[in-house]
């Protein structure tokens, strides 16, 4: 098996997005998808998706969207607040990856 390194784009999104929502799904749109289908698939209102993705063309079927996501209790948790003196985002100490996943070329082509 040949190892393939894949670069993953990690983005914190738009700094102007309301702090009322702290969990977001970063979603790449695909051809044939639109605002209505995304709202149904993510169980999110189309108005909320539009509000957090201003200026996006939802009928183009391309682009990267930020979709507010509910926690395990079904709520939209607010962004935690606190001292930012250590340079970390309030409430977040870091990201840990439990295991590394390897994909074959065939899997990546799908």
N, C-alpha and C. Protein backbone atom coordinates (compact mmCIF):
# COMPACT_ATOMS: atom_id res chain seq x y z
N UNK A 1 0.85 -1.17 0.00
CA UNK A 1 0.00 0.00 0.00
C UNK A 1 0.90 1.24 0.00
N UNK A 2 0.53 2.24 -0.77
CA UNK A 2 1.25 3.51 -0.84
C UNK A 2 0.55 4.54 0.03
N UNK A 3 1.32 5.24 0.82
CA UNK A 3 0.75 6.30 1.66
C UNK A 3 0.57 7.56 0.83
N UNK A 4 -0.51 8.25 1.07
CA UNK A 4 -0.81 9.50 0.38
C UNK A 4 -1.12 10.55 1.43
N UNK A 5 -0.34 11.61 1.44
CA UNK A 5 -0.59 12.71 2.36
C UNK A 5 -1.64 13.63 1.75
N UNK A 6 -2.67 13.93 2.50
CA UNK A 6 -3.75 14.79 2.04
C UNK A 6 -3.79 16.02 2.92
N UNK A 7 -3.76 17.19 2.31
CA UNK A 7 -3.85 18.44 3.05
C UNK A 7 -5.31 18.72 3.36
N UNK A 8 -5.60 19.00 4.60
CA UNK A 8 -6.96 19.31 5.03
C UNK A 8 -7.02 20.79 5.36
N UNK A 9 -7.95 21.50 4.74
CA UNK A 9 -8.11 22.93 4.99
C UNK A 9 -8.95 23.11 6.25
N UNK A 10 -8.35 23.66 7.27
CA UNK A 10 -9.06 23.92 8.52
C UNK A 10 -9.31 25.41 8.61
N UNK A 11 -10.55 25.79 8.78
CA UNK A 11 -10.90 27.20 8.79
C UNK A 11 -11.78 27.51 9.99
N UNK A 12 -11.56 28.67 10.56
CA UNK A 12 -12.40 29.10 11.68
C UNK A 12 -13.61 29.89 11.20
N UNK A 13 -13.71 30.08 9.90
CA UNK A 13 -14.88 30.76 9.36
C UNK A 13 -14.78 32.27 9.43
N UNK A 14 -15.91 32.89 9.35
CA UNK A 14 -16.02 34.34 9.31
C UNK A 14 -16.04 34.90 10.73
N UNK A 15 -15.11 35.81 11.03
CA UNK A 15 -15.04 36.38 12.38
C UNK A 15 -16.26 37.21 12.74
N UNK A 16 -17.06 37.59 11.75
CA UNK A 16 -18.25 38.41 12.00
C UNK A 16 -19.48 37.56 12.32
N UNK A 17 -19.34 36.23 12.25
CA UNK A 17 -20.46 35.35 12.57
C UNK A 17 -20.78 35.45 14.06
N UNK A 18 -22.04 35.46 14.37
CA UNK A 18 -22.51 35.60 15.75
C UNK A 18 -21.89 34.56 16.67
N UNK A 19 -21.53 34.98 17.86
CA UNK A 19 -20.99 34.07 18.87
C UNK A 19 -22.11 33.28 19.55
N UNK A 20 -23.36 33.49 19.11
CA UNK A 20 -24.48 32.71 19.65
C UNK A 20 -24.38 31.25 19.26
N UNK A 21 -23.59 30.96 18.23
CA UNK A 21 -23.44 29.59 17.75
C UNK A 21 -21.96 29.23 17.81
N UNK A 22 -21.63 28.13 18.48
CA UNK A 22 -20.22 27.77 18.57
C UNK A 22 -19.87 26.51 17.80
N UNK A 23 -20.85 25.72 17.42
CA UNK A 23 -20.59 24.51 16.64
C UNK A 23 -21.00 24.75 15.19
N UNK A 24 -20.06 24.52 14.28
CA UNK A 24 -20.35 24.70 12.86
C UNK A 24 -19.90 23.49 12.07
N UNK A 25 -20.68 23.15 11.09
CA UNK A 25 -20.31 22.14 10.12
C UNK A 25 -19.75 22.88 8.92
N UNK A 26 -18.55 22.55 8.50
CA UNK A 26 -17.99 23.14 7.28
C UNK A 26 -18.39 22.20 6.16
N UNK A 27 -19.23 22.69 5.26
CA UNK A 27 -19.85 21.82 4.26
C UNK A 27 -19.49 22.25 2.84
N UNK A 28 -18.85 21.38 2.06
CA UNK A 28 -18.60 21.70 0.65
C UNK A 28 -19.83 21.36 -0.18
N UNK A 29 -20.37 22.35 -0.89
CA UNK A 29 -21.54 22.10 -1.73
C UNK A 29 -21.15 21.32 -2.98
N UNK A 30 -22.07 20.51 -3.46
CA UNK A 30 -21.86 19.71 -4.66
C UNK A 30 -22.88 20.11 -5.72
N UNK A 31 -22.56 19.89 -7.00
CA UNK A 31 -23.52 20.19 -8.07
C UNK A 31 -24.86 19.49 -7.81
N UNK A 32 -25.93 20.22 -8.03
CA UNK A 32 -27.27 19.68 -7.81
C UNK A 32 -27.84 20.04 -6.45
N UNK A 33 -26.99 20.48 -5.53
CA UNK A 33 -27.48 20.88 -4.21
C UNK A 33 -27.87 22.34 -4.24
N UNK A 34 -28.82 22.69 -3.39
CA UNK A 34 -29.24 24.08 -3.27
C UNK A 34 -29.61 24.36 -1.82
N UNK A 35 -30.02 25.57 -1.54
CA UNK A 35 -30.33 25.97 -0.17
C UNK A 35 -31.41 25.09 0.46
N UNK A 36 -32.45 24.79 -0.29
CA UNK A 36 -33.55 23.98 0.23
C UNK A 36 -33.09 22.57 0.59
N UNK A 37 -32.33 21.94 -0.30
CA UNK A 37 -31.86 20.58 -0.03
C UNK A 37 -30.89 20.54 1.15
N UNK A 38 -30.06 21.58 1.28
CA UNK A 38 -29.12 21.64 2.41
C UNK A 38 -29.87 21.82 3.73
N UNK A 39 -30.87 22.68 3.73
CA UNK A 39 -31.66 22.92 4.95
C UNK A 39 -32.34 21.62 5.39
N UNK A 40 -32.90 20.89 4.44
CA UNK A 40 -33.55 19.62 4.78
C UNK A 40 -32.54 18.59 5.27
N UNK A 41 -31.41 18.48 4.59
CA UNK A 41 -30.40 17.47 4.94
C UNK A 41 -29.77 17.74 6.30
N UNK A 42 -29.61 19.00 6.65
CA UNK A 42 -28.95 19.36 7.91
C UNK A 42 -29.93 19.70 9.03
N UNK A 43 -31.22 19.65 8.71
CA UNK A 43 -32.28 19.98 9.69
C UNK A 43 -32.04 21.37 10.28
N UNK A 44 -31.68 22.29 9.40
CA UNK A 44 -31.41 23.68 9.76
C UNK A 44 -32.29 24.56 8.88
N UNK A 45 -32.73 25.68 9.38
CA UNK A 45 -33.56 26.55 8.56
C UNK A 45 -32.73 27.19 7.46
N UNK A 46 -33.35 27.37 6.30
CA UNK A 46 -32.65 28.01 5.19
C UNK A 46 -32.27 29.44 5.54
N UNK A 47 -33.10 30.10 6.35
CA UNK A 47 -32.80 31.48 6.77
C UNK A 47 -31.51 31.53 7.59
N UNK A 48 -31.33 30.56 8.50
CA UNK A 48 -30.13 30.51 9.33
C UNK A 48 -28.89 30.24 8.48
N UNK A 49 -29.00 29.33 7.52
CA UNK A 49 -27.87 29.04 6.62
C UNK A 49 -27.50 30.29 5.83
N UNK A 50 -28.49 30.99 5.30
CA UNK A 50 -28.23 32.23 4.54
C UNK A 50 -27.57 33.28 5.43
N UNK A 51 -28.05 33.40 6.66
CA UNK A 51 -27.54 34.41 7.57
C UNK A 51 -26.04 34.22 7.86
N UNK A 52 -25.59 32.98 7.92
CA UNK A 52 -24.19 32.71 8.23
C UNK A 52 -23.32 32.48 7.00
N UNK A 53 -23.90 32.64 5.83
CA UNK A 53 -23.15 32.53 4.58
C UNK A 53 -23.58 33.65 3.64
N UNK A 54 -23.43 34.91 4.07
CA UNK A 54 -23.90 36.02 3.24
C UNK A 54 -23.12 36.10 1.93
N UNK A 55 -23.84 36.38 0.87
CA UNK A 55 -23.20 36.55 -0.44
C UNK A 55 -22.96 35.25 -1.20
N UNK A 56 -23.24 34.10 -0.59
CA UNK A 56 -23.04 32.83 -1.30
C UNK A 56 -24.17 32.60 -2.29
N UNK A 57 -23.81 31.99 -3.43
CA UNK A 57 -24.78 31.64 -4.45
C UNK A 57 -25.15 30.17 -4.23
N UNK A 58 -26.27 29.94 -3.57
CA UNK A 58 -26.66 28.58 -3.20
C UNK A 58 -27.12 27.75 -4.39
N UNK A 59 -27.45 28.36 -5.49
CA UNK A 59 -27.90 27.59 -6.65
C UNK A 59 -26.73 27.15 -7.53
N UNK A 60 -25.51 27.64 -7.25
CA UNK A 60 -24.34 27.28 -8.06
C UNK A 60 -23.89 25.85 -7.81
N UNK A 61 -24.19 25.30 -6.62
CA UNK A 61 -23.77 23.94 -6.31
C UNK A 61 -22.28 23.81 -6.04
N UNK A 62 -21.64 24.93 -5.71
CA UNK A 62 -20.21 24.90 -5.37
C UNK A 62 -19.97 25.85 -4.21
N UNK A 63 -18.85 25.71 -3.56
CA UNK A 63 -18.47 26.61 -2.48
C UNK A 63 -18.45 25.90 -1.14
N UNK A 64 -17.93 26.60 -0.16
CA UNK A 64 -17.81 26.08 1.19
C UNK A 64 -18.76 26.85 2.10
N UNK A 65 -19.63 26.13 2.80
CA UNK A 65 -20.62 26.76 3.66
C UNK A 65 -20.34 26.46 5.12
N UNK A 66 -20.77 27.37 5.98
CA UNK A 66 -20.72 27.17 7.42
C UNK A 66 -22.16 27.00 7.89
N UNK A 67 -22.45 25.85 8.49
CA UNK A 67 -23.80 25.55 8.92
C UNK A 67 -23.81 25.36 10.43
N UNK A 68 -24.56 26.22 11.17
CA UNK A 68 -24.65 26.05 12.62
C UNK A 68 -25.17 24.65 12.94
N UNK A 69 -24.56 24.01 13.94
CA UNK A 69 -24.88 22.63 14.27
C UNK A 69 -25.30 22.51 15.72
N UNK A 70 -26.25 21.64 15.97
CA UNK A 70 -26.75 21.43 17.33
C UNK A 70 -25.83 20.49 18.11
N UNK A 71 -25.84 20.63 19.43
CA UNK A 71 -25.07 19.71 20.27
C UNK A 71 -25.86 18.42 20.48
N UNK A 72 -25.34 17.52 21.31
CA UNK A 72 -26.00 16.23 21.51
C UNK A 72 -27.35 16.33 22.20
N UNK A 73 -27.66 17.51 22.75
CA UNK A 73 -28.95 17.73 23.39
C UNK A 73 -29.96 18.42 22.47
N UNK A 74 -29.53 18.71 21.23
CA UNK A 74 -30.41 19.36 20.27
C UNK A 74 -30.42 20.87 20.35
N UNK A 75 -29.48 21.45 21.09
CA UNK A 75 -29.40 22.90 21.25
C UNK A 75 -28.26 23.49 20.44
N UNK A 76 -28.37 24.78 20.15
CA UNK A 76 -27.27 25.52 19.54
C UNK A 76 -26.50 26.15 20.70
N UNK A 77 -25.36 25.58 21.10
CA UNK A 77 -24.64 26.14 22.24
C UNK A 77 -23.94 27.44 21.88
N UNK A 78 -23.95 28.42 22.80
CA UNK A 78 -23.24 29.67 22.54
C UNK A 78 -21.73 29.49 22.68
N UNK A 79 -20.97 30.40 22.09
CA UNK A 79 -19.52 30.37 22.20
C UNK A 79 -19.14 30.62 23.65
N UNK A 80 -18.29 29.77 24.23
CA UNK A 80 -17.87 30.01 25.61
C UNK A 80 -17.04 31.29 25.71
N UNK A 81 -17.12 31.92 26.86
CA UNK A 81 -16.34 33.14 27.08
C UNK A 81 -15.32 32.89 28.16
N UNK A 82 -14.31 33.72 28.19
CA UNK A 82 -13.28 33.55 29.21
C UNK A 82 -12.06 34.36 28.87
N UNK A 83 -11.00 34.15 29.64
CA UNK A 83 -9.74 34.86 29.47
C UNK A 83 -8.99 34.32 28.25
N UNK A 84 -8.61 35.21 27.36
CA UNK A 84 -7.88 34.82 26.16
C UNK A 84 -6.39 35.11 26.29
N UNK A 85 -5.89 35.29 27.50
CA UNK A 85 -4.50 35.68 27.69
C UNK A 85 -3.51 34.64 27.21
N UNK A 86 -3.91 33.37 27.15
CA UNK A 86 -2.97 32.35 26.71
C UNK A 86 -2.94 32.19 25.20
N UNK A 87 -3.73 32.99 24.49
CA UNK A 87 -3.73 32.95 23.03
C UNK A 87 -4.68 31.93 22.44
N UNK A 88 -5.32 31.12 23.26
CA UNK A 88 -6.26 30.12 22.76
C UNK A 88 -7.65 30.72 22.68
N UNK A 89 -8.46 30.19 21.81
CA UNK A 89 -9.85 30.60 21.71
C UNK A 89 -10.56 30.21 23.00
N UNK A 90 -11.38 31.09 23.51
CA UNK A 90 -12.05 30.85 24.79
C UNK A 90 -12.77 29.52 24.80
N UNK A 91 -12.47 28.71 25.80
CA UNK A 91 -13.14 27.43 25.95
C UNK A 91 -12.53 26.29 25.18
N UNK A 92 -11.56 26.56 24.33
CA UNK A 92 -10.94 25.52 23.52
C UNK A 92 -9.46 25.45 23.84
N UNK A 93 -9.00 24.30 24.25
CA UNK A 93 -7.59 24.14 24.60
C UNK A 93 -6.77 23.59 23.45
N UNK A 94 -7.39 22.96 22.51
CA UNK A 94 -6.65 22.40 21.38
C UNK A 94 -7.45 21.31 20.72
N UNK A 95 -6.90 20.78 19.67
CA UNK A 95 -7.56 19.72 18.93
C UNK A 95 -6.64 18.51 18.97
N UNK A 96 -7.19 17.37 19.30
CA UNK A 96 -6.41 16.14 19.31
C UNK A 96 -7.00 15.18 18.30
N UNK A 97 -6.15 14.50 17.58
CA UNK A 97 -6.60 13.49 16.62
C UNK A 97 -6.30 12.14 17.23
N UNK A 98 -7.34 11.33 17.38
CA UNK A 98 -7.21 10.05 18.05
C UNK A 98 -6.42 9.04 17.23
N UNK A 99 -6.66 9.02 15.93
CA UNK A 99 -5.94 8.07 15.09
C UNK A 99 -5.79 8.64 13.69
N UNK A 100 -4.79 8.17 13.01
CA UNK A 100 -4.54 8.60 11.64
C UNK A 100 -5.23 7.62 10.71
N UNK A 101 -5.90 8.15 9.71
CA UNK A 101 -6.60 7.30 8.76
C UNK A 101 -5.89 7.33 7.43
N UNK A 102 -5.71 6.18 6.84
CA UNK A 102 -5.10 6.10 5.52
C UNK A 102 -6.17 5.67 4.53
N UNK A 103 -6.16 6.29 3.36
CA UNK A 103 -7.12 5.98 2.32
C UNK A 103 -6.37 5.49 1.09
N UNK A 104 -6.95 4.55 0.38
CA UNK A 104 -6.36 4.11 -0.88
C UNK A 104 -6.74 5.11 -1.97
N UNK A 105 -6.02 5.07 -3.09
CA UNK A 105 -6.34 5.95 -4.21
C UNK A 105 -7.78 5.72 -4.66
N UNK A 106 -8.22 4.46 -4.64
CA UNK A 106 -9.59 4.12 -5.06
C UNK A 106 -10.61 4.81 -4.16
N UNK A 107 -10.38 4.80 -2.85
CA UNK A 107 -11.30 5.44 -1.92
C UNK A 107 -11.33 6.95 -2.12
N UNK A 108 -10.17 7.54 -2.37
CA UNK A 108 -10.10 8.99 -2.57
C UNK A 108 -10.75 9.42 -3.87
N UNK A 109 -10.78 8.53 -4.86
CA UNK A 109 -11.37 8.86 -6.16
C UNK A 109 -12.88 8.86 -6.13
N UNK A 110 -13.48 8.30 -5.09
CA UNK A 110 -14.94 8.21 -5.03
C UNK A 110 -15.56 9.50 -4.60
